[in-house]
């Protein structure tokens, strides 16, 4: 593993970027694993929020989160500034998904995220050093991931599964409940944790639809096989339960991160 450059560690990051870590480092009695999970949760929330402000589509944002989780699957969190890595992941995801985002825009939006209502970031040495760090970190991410940065996301499967489920129920029953909106919201929330890289795209998509349908009491017709196996023949109830359990743990994490 490459030794972290001082520009990519917390020591080399600007003060405003380090402000996001203060709440994570204050939990002295908390185990390292729990503290790291909270940090990753907060940083992925940062990715999603600046992604919205940058006008990124849902798939590029999802790719940025997967890049982030894959990177820290291979390196020690203590050795790199996670928010800097996140900015580089957003930059790289834009290239991978062909929605290019300028480094200047990523830096400015990130600065505003941590300094709401503050003065705009000056184009001084700190700005150009940070820009260089974002680009250097992008190269590091590519090397750590062996340049394998294209991922299969659940989005296309969820769309297909929802259309199939919609055709099986009364259209009035479907329109009365926000199953579609809830399914997409649940899917987005999956990317706050590493569950998005531990389960297959199809299983995550089925589990999100299953949870949304059950939340609103929408029942699909019963046949020889459960509806989820009709749509995805290699998924089991245990697979669905495992995905949902991890998602509920993320929601518990969210409550602790507030």
C-alpha atoms as a PDB file:
ATOM      1  CA  UNK A   1       0.000   0.000   0.000  1.00  0.00           C
ATOM      2  CA  UNK A   2       1.250   3.453  -0.818  1.00  0.00           C
ATOM      3  CA  UNK A   3       2.203   5.725   2.052  1.00  0.00           C
ATOM      4  CA  UNK A   4      -0.171   8.698   2.256  1.00  0.00           C
ATOM      5  CA  UNK A   5       1.182  11.999   1.039  1.00  0.00           C
ATOM      6  CA  UNK A   6       1.027  14.805   3.587  1.00  0.00           C
ATOM      7  CA  UNK A   7      -1.312  16.595   1.183  1.00  0.00           C
ATOM      8  CA  UNK A   8      -3.797  13.691   1.393  1.00  0.00           C
ATOM      9  CA  UNK A   9      -3.697  13.222   5.153  1.00  0.00           C
ATOM     10  CA  UNK A  10      -5.469  15.332   7.754  1.00  0.00           C
ATOM     11  CA  UNK A  11      -2.238  17.266   8.341  1.00  0.00           C
ATOM     12  CA  UNK A  12      -2.256  18.642   4.808  1.00  0.00           C
ATOM     13  CA  UNK A  13      -5.951  19.511   4.545  1.00  0.00           C
ATOM     14  CA  UNK A  14      -7.308  23.048   5.069  1.00  0.00           C
ATOM     15  CA  UNK A  15      -8.916  23.831   8.445  1.00  0.00           C
ATOM     16  CA  UNK A  16     -12.422  24.237   7.037  1.00  0.00           C
ATOM     17  CA  UNK A  17     -12.265  20.714   5.569  1.00  0.00           C
ATOM     18  CA  UNK A  18     -11.217  19.233   8.909  1.00  0.00           C
ATOM     19  CA  UNK A  19     -14.261  20.719  10.661  1.00  0.00           C
ATOM     20  CA  UNK A  20     -16.358  17.789   9.464  1.00  0.00           C
ATOM     21  CA  UNK A  21     -14.303  15.374  11.564  1.00  0.00           C
ATOM     22  CA  UNK A  22     -14.616  17.143  14.901  1.00  0.00           C
ATOM     23  CA  UNK A  23     -17.787  15.383  16.015  1.00  0.00           C
ATOM     24  CA  UNK A  24     -16.389  11.991  14.994  1.00  0.00           C
ATOM     25  CA  UNK A  25     -13.144  12.367  16.938  1.00  0.00           C
ATOM     26  CA  UNK A  26     -14.832  13.554  20.136  1.00  0.00           C
ATOM     27  CA  UNK A  27     -16.220  10.133  21.110  1.00  0.00           C
ATOM     28  CA  UNK A  28     -13.325   9.005  23.297  1.00  0.00           C
ATOM     29  CA  UNK A  29     -14.916   5.870  24.760  1.00  0.00           C
ATOM     30  CA  UNK A  30     -16.370   4.612  21.484  1.00  0.00           C
ATOM     31  CA  UNK A  31     -14.702   1.667  19.766  1.00  0.00           C
ATOM     32  CA  UNK A  32     -12.725   2.374  16.613  1.00  0.00           C
ATOM     33  CA  UNK A  33     -15.100   0.390  14.407  1.00  0.00           C
ATOM     34  CA  UNK A  34     -18.174   2.274  15.574  1.00  0.00           C
ATOM     35  CA  UNK A  35     -16.396   5.607  15.242  1.00  0.00           C
ATOM     36  CA  UNK A  36     -15.229   4.753  11.729  1.00  0.00           C
ATOM     37  CA  UNK A  37     -18.757   3.725  10.704  1.00  0.00           C
ATOM     38  CA  UNK A  38     -20.114   7.068  11.906  1.00  0.00           C
ATOM     39  CA  UNK A  39     -17.408   8.911  10.006  1.00  0.00           C
ATOM     40  CA  UNK A  40     -18.204   7.016   6.810  1.00  0.00           C
ATOM     41  CA  UNK A  41     -21.919   7.706   7.300  1.00  0.00           C
ATOM     42  CA  UNK A  42     -21.311  11.446   7.655  1.00  0.00           C
ATOM     43  CA  UNK A  43     -18.922  11.588   4.717  1.00  0.00           C
ATOM     44  CA  UNK A  44     -21.348   9.757   2.431  1.00  0.00           C
ATOM     45  CA  UNK A  45     -24.058  12.177   3.479  1.00  0.00           C
ATOM     46  CA  UNK A  46     -21.629  14.942   2.496  1.00  0.00           C
ATOM     47  CA  UNK A  47     -21.126  13.271  -0.925  1.00  0.00           C
ATOM     48  CA  UNK A  48     -24.881  13.100  -1.486  1.00  0.00           C
ATOM     49  CA  UNK A  49     -25.544  16.679  -0.440  1.00  0.00           C
ATOM     50  CA  UNK A  50     -22.787  18.246  -2.521  1.00  0.00           C
ATOM     51  CA  UNK A  51     -23.840  15.938  -5.368  1.00  0.00           C
ATOM     52  CA  UNK A  52     -27.292  17.522  -5.288  1.00  0.00           C
ATOM     53  CA  UNK A  53     -25.800  21.016  -5.215  1.00  0.00           C
ATOM     54  CA  UNK A  54     -23.570  20.130  -8.171  1.00  0.00           C
ATOM     55  CA  UNK A  55     -26.580  18.866 -10.139  1.00  0.00           C
ATOM     56  CA  UNK A  56     -25.301  15.300 -10.323  1.00  0.00           C
ATOM     57  CA  UNK A  57     -27.600  12.475 -11.314  1.00  0.00           C
ATOM     58  CA  UNK A  58     -28.333   9.655  -8.874  1.00  0.00           C
ATOM     59  CA  UNK A  59     -26.037   7.084 -10.510  1.00  0.00           C
ATOM     60  CA  UNK A  60     -22.897   9.281 -10.494  1.00  0.00           C
ATOM     61  CA  UNK A  61     -23.550  10.063  -6.819  1.00  0.00           C
ATOM     62  CA  UNK A  62     -23.951   6.337  -6.131  1.00  0.00           C
ATOM     63  CA  UNK A  63     -20.683   5.672  -7.960  1.00  0.00           C
ATOM     64  CA  UNK A  64     -18.924   8.283  -5.818  1.00  0.00           C
ATOM     65  CA  UNK A  65     -20.153   6.534  -2.660  1.00  0.00           C
ATOM     66  CA  UNK A  66     -19.043   3.115  -3.916  1.00  0.00           C
ATOM     67  CA  UNK A  67     -15.613   4.510  -4.816  1.00  0.00           C
ATOM     68  CA  UNK A  68     -15.360   5.909  -1.302  1.00  0.00           C
ATOM     69  CA  UNK A  69     -16.355   2.631   0.380  1.00  0.00           C
ATOM     70  CA  UNK A  70     -14.104   0.559  -1.883  1.00  0.00           C
ATOM     71  CA  UNK A  71     -11.148   2.833  -1.145  1.00  0.00           C
ATOM     72  CA  UNK A  72     -11.527   2.639   2.636  1.00  0.00           C
ATOM     73  CA  UNK A  73     -12.055  -1.095   2.349  1.00  0.00           C
ATOM     74  CA  UNK A  74      -8.356  -1.165   1.385  1.00  0.00           C
ATOM     75  CA  UNK A  75      -6.772   1.596   3.485  1.00  0.00           C
ATOM     76  CA  UNK A  76      -6.766   2.796   7.070  1.00  0.00           C
ATOM     77  CA  UNK A  77      -9.150   5.680   7.749  1.00  0.00           C
ATOM     78  CA  UNK A  78      -6.633   7.299  10.094  1.00  0.00           C
ATOM     79  CA  UNK A  79      -4.117   7.742   7.262  1.00  0.00           C
ATOM     80  CA  UNK A  80      -6.271   9.821   4.900  1.00  0.00           C
ATOM     81  CA  UNK A  81      -8.596  12.795   5.233  1.00  0.00           C
ATOM     82  CA  UNK A  82     -12.001  11.248   4.377  1.00  0.00           C
ATOM     83  CA  UNK A  83     -13.618  14.462   3.132  1.00  0.00           C
ATOM     84  CA  UNK A  84     -10.744  15.032   0.731  1.00  0.00           C
ATOM     85  CA  UNK A  85     -11.127  11.450  -0.501  1.00  0.00           C
ATOM     86  CA  UNK A  86     -14.855  12.085  -0.893  1.00  0.00           C
ATOM     87  CA  UNK A  87     -14.220  15.163  -3.046  1.00  0.00           C
ATOM     88  CA  UNK A  88     -11.906  13.124  -5.270  1.00  0.00           C
ATOM     89  CA  UNK A  89     -14.515  10.357  -5.478  1.00  0.00           C
ATOM     90  CA  UNK A  90     -17.086  12.886  -6.704  1.00  0.00           C
ATOM     91  CA  UNK A  91     -14.600  14.155  -9.275  1.00  0.00           C
ATOM     92  CA  UNK A  92     -13.734  10.628 -10.470  1.00  0.00           C
ATOM     93  CA  UNK A  93     -17.374   9.473 -10.485  1.00  0.00           C
ATOM     94  CA  UNK A  94     -18.242  12.340 -12.803  1.00  0.00           C
ATOM     95  CA  UNK A  95     -15.690  11.033 -15.285  1.00  0.00           C
ATOM     96  CA  UNK A  96     -16.767   7.394 -14.930  1.00  0.00           C
ATOM     97  CA  UNK A  97     -20.446   8.205 -15.443  1.00  0.00           C
ATOM     98  CA  UNK A  98     -19.791  10.860 -18.106  1.00  0.00           C
ATOM     99  CA  UNK A  99     -21.098  13.773 -16.084  1.00  0.00           C
ATOM    100  CA  UNK A 100     -17.907  15.762 -15.713  1.00  0.00           C
ATOM    101  CA  UNK A 101     -17.692  18.095 -12.716  1.00  0.00           C
ATOM    102  CA  UNK A 102     -14.979  20.742 -12.465  1.00  0.00           C
ATOM    103  CA  UNK A 103     -12.640  20.532  -9.480  1.00  0.00           C
ATOM    104  CA  UNK A 104     -13.227  24.237  -8.852  1.00  0.00           C
ATOM    105  CA  UNK A 105     -16.971  23.623  -8.480  1.00  0.00           C
ATOM    106  CA  UNK A 106     -16.420  20.653  -6.153  1.00  0.00           C
ATOM    107  CA  UNK A 107     -14.091  22.696  -3.933  1.00  0.00           C
ATOM    108  CA  UNK A 108     -16.395  25.737  -3.834  1.00  0.00           C
ATOM    109  CA  UNK A 109     -19.500  23.679  -3.027  1.00  0.00           C
ATOM    110  CA  UNK A 110     -17.581  21.729  -0.364  1.00  0.00           C
ATOM    111  CA  UNK A 111     -16.356  24.979   1.185  1.00  0.00           C
ATOM    112  CA  UNK A 112     -19.905  26.313   1.289  1.00  0.00           C
ATOM    113  CA  UNK A 113     -21.080  23.025   2.860  1.00  0.00           C
ATOM    114  CA  UNK A 114     -18.762  23.575   5.832  1.00  0.00           C
ATOM    115  CA  UNK A 115     -19.005  27.384   5.874  1.00  0.00           C
ATOM    116  CA  UNK A 116     -22.646  28.157   5.255  1.00  0.00           C
ATOM    117  CA  UNK A 117     -23.043  31.919   5.083  1.00  0.00           C
ATOM    118  CA  UNK A 118     -19.302  32.504   5.171  1.00  0.00           C
ATOM    119  CA  UNK A 119     -17.157  34.387   2.708  1.00  0.00           C
ATOM    120  CA  UNK A 120     -16.437  32.734  -0.667  1.00  0.00           C
ATOM    121  CA  UNK A 121     -13.215  30.775  -0.927  1.00  0.00           C
ATOM    122  CA  UNK A 122     -10.314  32.829  -2.210  1.00  0.00           C
ATOM    123  CA  UNK A 123      -8.317  31.591  -5.224  1.00  0.00           C
ATOM    124  CA  UNK A 124      -5.121  31.669  -3.187  1.00  0.00           C
ATOM    125  CA  UNK A 125      -2.370  29.145  -2.501  1.00  0.00           C
ATOM    126  CA  UNK A 126      -4.654  27.118  -0.221  1.00  0.00           C
ATOM    127  CA  UNK A 127      -7.180  26.741  -3.032  1.00  0.00           C
ATOM    128  CA  UNK A 128      -4.590  25.579  -5.576  1.00  0.00           C
ATOM    129  CA  UNK A 129      -2.949  23.236  -3.076  1.00  0.00           C
ATOM    130  CA  UNK A 130      -6.341  21.671  -2.357  1.00  0.00           C
ATOM    131  CA  UNK A 131      -7.058  21.361  -6.074  1.00  0.00           C
ATOM    132  CA  UNK A 132      -3.759  19.550  -6.537  1.00  0.00           C
ATOM    133  CA  UNK A 133      -4.595  17.282  -3.592  1.00  0.00           C
ATOM    134  CA  UNK A 134      -7.961  16.360  -5.124  1.00  0.00           C
ATOM    135  CA  UNK A 135      -6.242  15.346  -8.367  1.00  0.00           C
ATOM    136  CA  UNK A 136      -3.464  13.447  -6.547  1.00  0.00           C
ATOM    137  CA  UNK A 137      -6.056  11.632  -4.473  1.00  0.00           C
ATOM    138  CA  UNK A 138      -7.958  10.651  -7.624  1.00  0.00           C
ATOM    139  CA  UNK A 139      -4.814   8.913  -8.899  1.00  0.00           C
ATOM    140  CA  UNK A 140      -4.374   7.179  -5.541  1.00  0.00           C
ATOM    141  CA  UNK A 141      -7.968   5.923  -5.615  1.00  0.00           C
ATOM    142  CA  UNK A 142      -7.490   4.548  -9.117  1.00  0.00           C
ATOM    143  CA  UNK A 143      -4.364   2.690  -8.044  1.00  0.00           C
ATOM    144  CA  UNK A 144      -5.933   1.285  -4.889  1.00  0.00           C
ATOM    145  CA  UNK A 145      -8.919   0.029  -6.882  1.00  0.00           C
ATOM    146  CA  UNK A 146      -6.647  -1.314  -9.669  1.00  0.00           C
ATOM    147  CA  UNK A 147      -8.456   1.036 -12.065  1.00  0.00           C
ATOM    148  CA  UNK A 148     -11.674  -1.003 -11.650  1.00  0.00           C
ATOM    149  CA  UNK A 149     -14.092   1.882 -11.224  1.00  0.00           C
ATOM    150  CA  UNK A 150     -17.175   0.793 -13.177  1.00  0.00           C
ATOM    151  CA  UNK A 151     -19.886  -0.691 -10.997  1.00  0.00           C
ATOM    152  CA  UNK A 152     -23.270  -2.321 -11.452  1.00  0.00           C
ATOM    153  CA  UNK A 153     -25.832  -0.384  -9.437  1.00  0.00           C
ATOM    154  CA  UNK A 154     -29.313  -1.525  -8.313  1.00  0.00           C
ATOM    155  CA  UNK A 155     -31.039   1.395 -10.041  1.00  0.00           C
ATOM    156  CA  UNK A 156     -31.828  -0.300 -13.353  1.00  0.00           C
ATOM    157  CA  UNK A 157     -33.021  -3.439 -11.549  1.00  0.00           C
ATOM    158  CA  UNK A 158     -35.224  -1.483  -9.162  1.00  0.00           C
ATOM    159  CA  UNK A 159     -36.841   0.326 -12.087  1.00  0.00           C
ATOM    160  CA  UNK A 160     -37.542  -2.985 -13.832  1.00  0.00           C
ATOM    161  CA  UNK A 161     -38.862  -4.624 -10.643  1.00  0.00           C
ATOM    162  CA  UNK A 162     -41.150  -1.684  -9.857  1.00  0.00           C
ATOM    163  CA  UNK A 163     -42.643  -1.691 -13.338  1.00  0.00           C
ATOM    164  CA  UNK A 164     -43.263  -5.440 -13.054  1.00  0.00           C
ATOM    165  CA  UNK A 165     -44.828  -5.084  -9.595  1.00  0.00           C
ATOM    166  CA  UNK A 166     -46.979  -2.183 -10.725  1.00  0.00           C
ATOM    167  CA  UNK A 167     -48.434  -4.320 -13.528  1.00  0.00           C
ATOM    168  CA  UNK A 168     -49.495  -6.964 -10.984  1.00  0.00           C
ATOM    169  CA  UNK A 169     -51.573  -4.761  -8.684  1.00  0.00           C
ATOM    170  CA  UNK A 170     -54.601  -2.556  -9.046  1.00  0.00           C
ATOM    171  CA  UNK A 171     -53.417   0.734 -10.530  1.00  0.00           C
ATOM    172  CA  UNK A 172     -55.491   2.729  -8.039  1.00  0.00           C
ATOM    173  CA  UNK A 173     -53.923   0.880  -5.098  1.00  0.00           C
ATOM    174  CA  UNK A 174     -50.473   1.629  -6.501  1.00  0.00           C
ATOM    175  CA  UNK A 175     -51.200   5.319  -7.123  1.00  0.00           C
ATOM    176  CA  UNK A 176     -52.576   5.801  -3.591  1.00  0.00           C
ATOM    177  CA  UNK A 177     -49.288   4.802  -1.970  1.00  0.00           C
ATOM    178  CA  UNK A 178     -45.797   6.300  -2.497  1.00  0.00           C
ATOM    179  CA  UNK A 179     -44.158   2.916  -3.138  1.00  0.00           C
ATOM    180  CA  UNK A 180     -42.096   4.271  -6.016  1.00  0.00           C
ATOM    181  CA  UNK A 181     -40.773   7.299  -4.130  1.00  0.00           C
ATOM    182  CA  UNK A 182     -40.101   5.246  -1.002  1.00  0.00           C
ATOM    183  CA  UNK A 183     -38.196   2.567  -2.934  1.00  0.00           C
ATOM    184  CA  UNK A 184     -35.896   5.162  -4.492  1.00  0.00           C
ATOM    185  CA  UNK A 185     -35.361   6.893  -1.138  1.00  0.00           C
ATOM    186  CA  UNK A 186     -34.478   3.588   0.545  1.00  0.00           C
ATOM    187  CA  UNK A 187     -32.041   2.779  -2.246  1.00  0.00           C
ATOM    188  CA  UNK A 188     -30.314   6.143  -1.863  1.00  0.00           C
ATOM    189  CA  UNK A 189     -29.957   5.563   1.879  1.00  0.00           C
ATOM    190  CA  UNK A 190     -28.167   2.248   1.269  1.00  0.00           C
ATOM    191  CA  UNK A 191     -25.143   4.138   0.021  1.00  0.00           C
ATOM    192  CA  UNK A 192     -24.488   5.718   3.422  1.00  0.00           C
ATOM    193  CA  UNK A 193     -22.844   2.455   4.491  1.00  0.00           C
ATOM    194  CA  UNK A 194     -20.741  -0.304   3.007  1.00  0.00           C
ATOM    195  CA  UNK A 195     -23.798  -2.523   2.547  1.00  0.00           C
ATOM    196  CA  UNK A 196     -23.898  -1.159  -1.001  1.00  0.00           C
ATOM    197  CA  UNK A 197     -20.702  -3.097  -1.784  1.00  0.00           C
ATOM    198  CA  UNK A 198     -21.494  -6.236   0.226  1.00  0.00           C
ATOM    199  CA  UNK A 199     -24.714  -7.248  -1.538  1.00  0.00           C
ATOM    200  CA  UNK A 200     -25.504  -7.789  -5.196  1.00  0.00           C
ATOM    201  CA  UNK A 201     -27.317  -5.063  -7.091  1.00  0.00           C
ATOM    202  CA  UNK A 202     -30.315  -7.318  -7.758  1.00  0.00           C
ATOM    203  CA  UNK A 203     -30.703  -8.319  -4.105  1.00  0.00           C
ATOM    204  CA  UNK A 204     -30.557  -4.716  -2.916  1.00  0.00           C
ATOM    205  CA  UNK A 205     -33.177  -3.689  -5.488  1.00  0.00           C
ATOM    206  CA  UNK A 206     -35.538  -6.514  -4.501  1.00  0.00           C
ATOM    207  CA  UNK A 207     -35.090  -5.773  -0.795  1.00  0.00           C
ATOM    208  CA  UNK A 208     -35.874  -2.069  -1.246  1.00  0.00           C
ATOM    209  CA  UNK A 209     -39.056  -2.836  -3.157  1.00  0.00           C
ATOM    210  CA  UNK A 210     -40.019  -5.516  -0.625  1.00  0.00           C
ATOM    211  CA  UNK A 211     -39.596  -3.071   2.271  1.00  0.00           C
ATOM    212  CA  UNK A 212     -41.515  -0.307   0.500  1.00  0.00           C
ATOM    213  CA  UNK A 213     -44.419  -2.619  -0.380  1.00  0.00           C
ATOM    214  CA  UNK A 214     -44.615  -3.978   3.164  1.00  0.00           C
ATOM    215  CA  UNK A 215     -44.427  -0.478   4.652  1.00  0.00           C
ATOM    216  CA  UNK A 216     -47.648   0.495   2.887  1.00  0.00           C
ATOM    217  CA  UNK A 217     -49.380  -2.881   3.025  1.00  0.00           C
ATOM    218  CA  UNK A 218     -49.405  -3.357  -0.737  1.00  0.00           C
ATOM    219  CA  UNK A 219     -49.770  -7.061  -1.517  1.00  0.00           C
ATOM    220  CA  UNK A 220     -48.815  -8.725  -4.779  1.00  0.00           C
ATOM    221  CA  UNK A 221     -50.674 -11.783  -6.132  1.00  0.00           C
ATOM    222  CA  UNK A 222     -49.541 -15.120  -4.664  1.00  0.00           C
ATOM    223  CA  UNK A 223     -48.374 -17.730  -7.154  1.00  0.00           C
ATOM    224  CA  UNK A 224     -46.301 -20.890  -7.145  1.00  0.00           C
ATOM    225  CA  UNK A 225     -43.232 -18.867  -6.167  1.00  0.00           C
ATOM    226  CA  UNK A 226     -42.963 -15.681  -4.091  1.00  0.00           C
ATOM    227  CA  UNK A 227     -43.029 -12.561  -6.261  1.00  0.00           C
ATOM    228  CA  UNK A 228     -39.431 -11.700  -5.431  1.00  0.00           C
ATOM    229  CA  UNK A 229     -38.207 -15.044  -6.809  1.00  0.00           C
ATOM    230  CA  UNK A 230     -40.275 -14.533  -9.942  1.00  0.00           C
ATOM    231  CA  UNK A 231     -38.397 -11.267 -10.507  1.00  0.00           C
ATOM    232  CA  UNK A 232     -34.985 -12.469  -9.290  1.00  0.00           C
ATOM    233  CA  UNK A 233     -34.625 -16.244  -9.218  1.00  0.00           C
ATOM    234  CA  UNK A 234     -31.460 -16.408  -7.095  1.00  0.00           C
ATOM    235  CA  UNK A 235     -32.689 -14.287  -4.182  1.00  0.00           C
ATOM    236  CA  UNK A 236     -33.942 -15.865  -0.954  1.00  0.00           C
ATOM    237  CA  UNK A 237     -35.950 -14.480   1.943  1.00  0.00           C
ATOM    238  CA  UNK A 238     -32.747 -14.646   4.004  1.00  0.00           C
ATOM    239  CA  UNK A 239     -30.998 -12.428   1.454  1.00  0.00           C
ATOM    240  CA  UNK A 240     -33.810  -9.884   1.628  1.00  0.00           C
ATOM    241  CA  UNK A 241     -33.830  -9.927   5.433  1.00  0.00           C
ATOM    242  CA  UNK A 242     -30.040  -9.441   5.547  1.00  0.00           C
ATOM    243  CA  UNK A 243     -30.202  -6.352   3.322  1.00  0.00           C
ATOM    244  CA  UNK A 244     -33.105  -4.842   5.245  1.00  0.00           C
ATOM    245  CA  UNK A 245     -31.399  -5.505   8.588  1.00  0.00           C
ATOM    246  CA  UNK A 246     -28.295  -3.627   7.447  1.00  0.00           C
ATOM    247  CA  UNK A 247     -30.403  -0.743   6.200  1.00  0.00           C
ATOM    248  CA  UNK A 248     -32.207  -0.497   9.540  1.00  0.00           C
ATOM    249  CA  UNK A 249     -28.819  -0.451  11.266  1.00  0.00           C
ATOM    250  CA  UNK A 250     -27.896   2.505   9.054  1.00  0.00           C
ATOM    251  CA  UNK A 251     -31.017   4.342  10.187  1.00  0.00           C
ATOM    252  CA  UNK A 252     -29.990   3.669  13.790  1.00  0.00           C
ATOM    253  CA  UNK A 253     -26.562   5.055  12.877  1.00  0.00           C
ATOM    254  CA  UNK A 254     -28.223   8.172  11.467  1.00  0.00           C
ATOM    255  CA  UNK A 255     -29.948   8.819  14.785  1.00  0.00           C
ATOM    256  CA  UNK A 256     -26.599   8.601  16.580  1.00  0.00           C
ATOM    257  CA  UNK A 257     -24.937  10.938  14.074  1.00  0.00           C
ATOM    258  CA  UNK A 258     -27.394  13.789  14.567  1.00  0.00           C
END
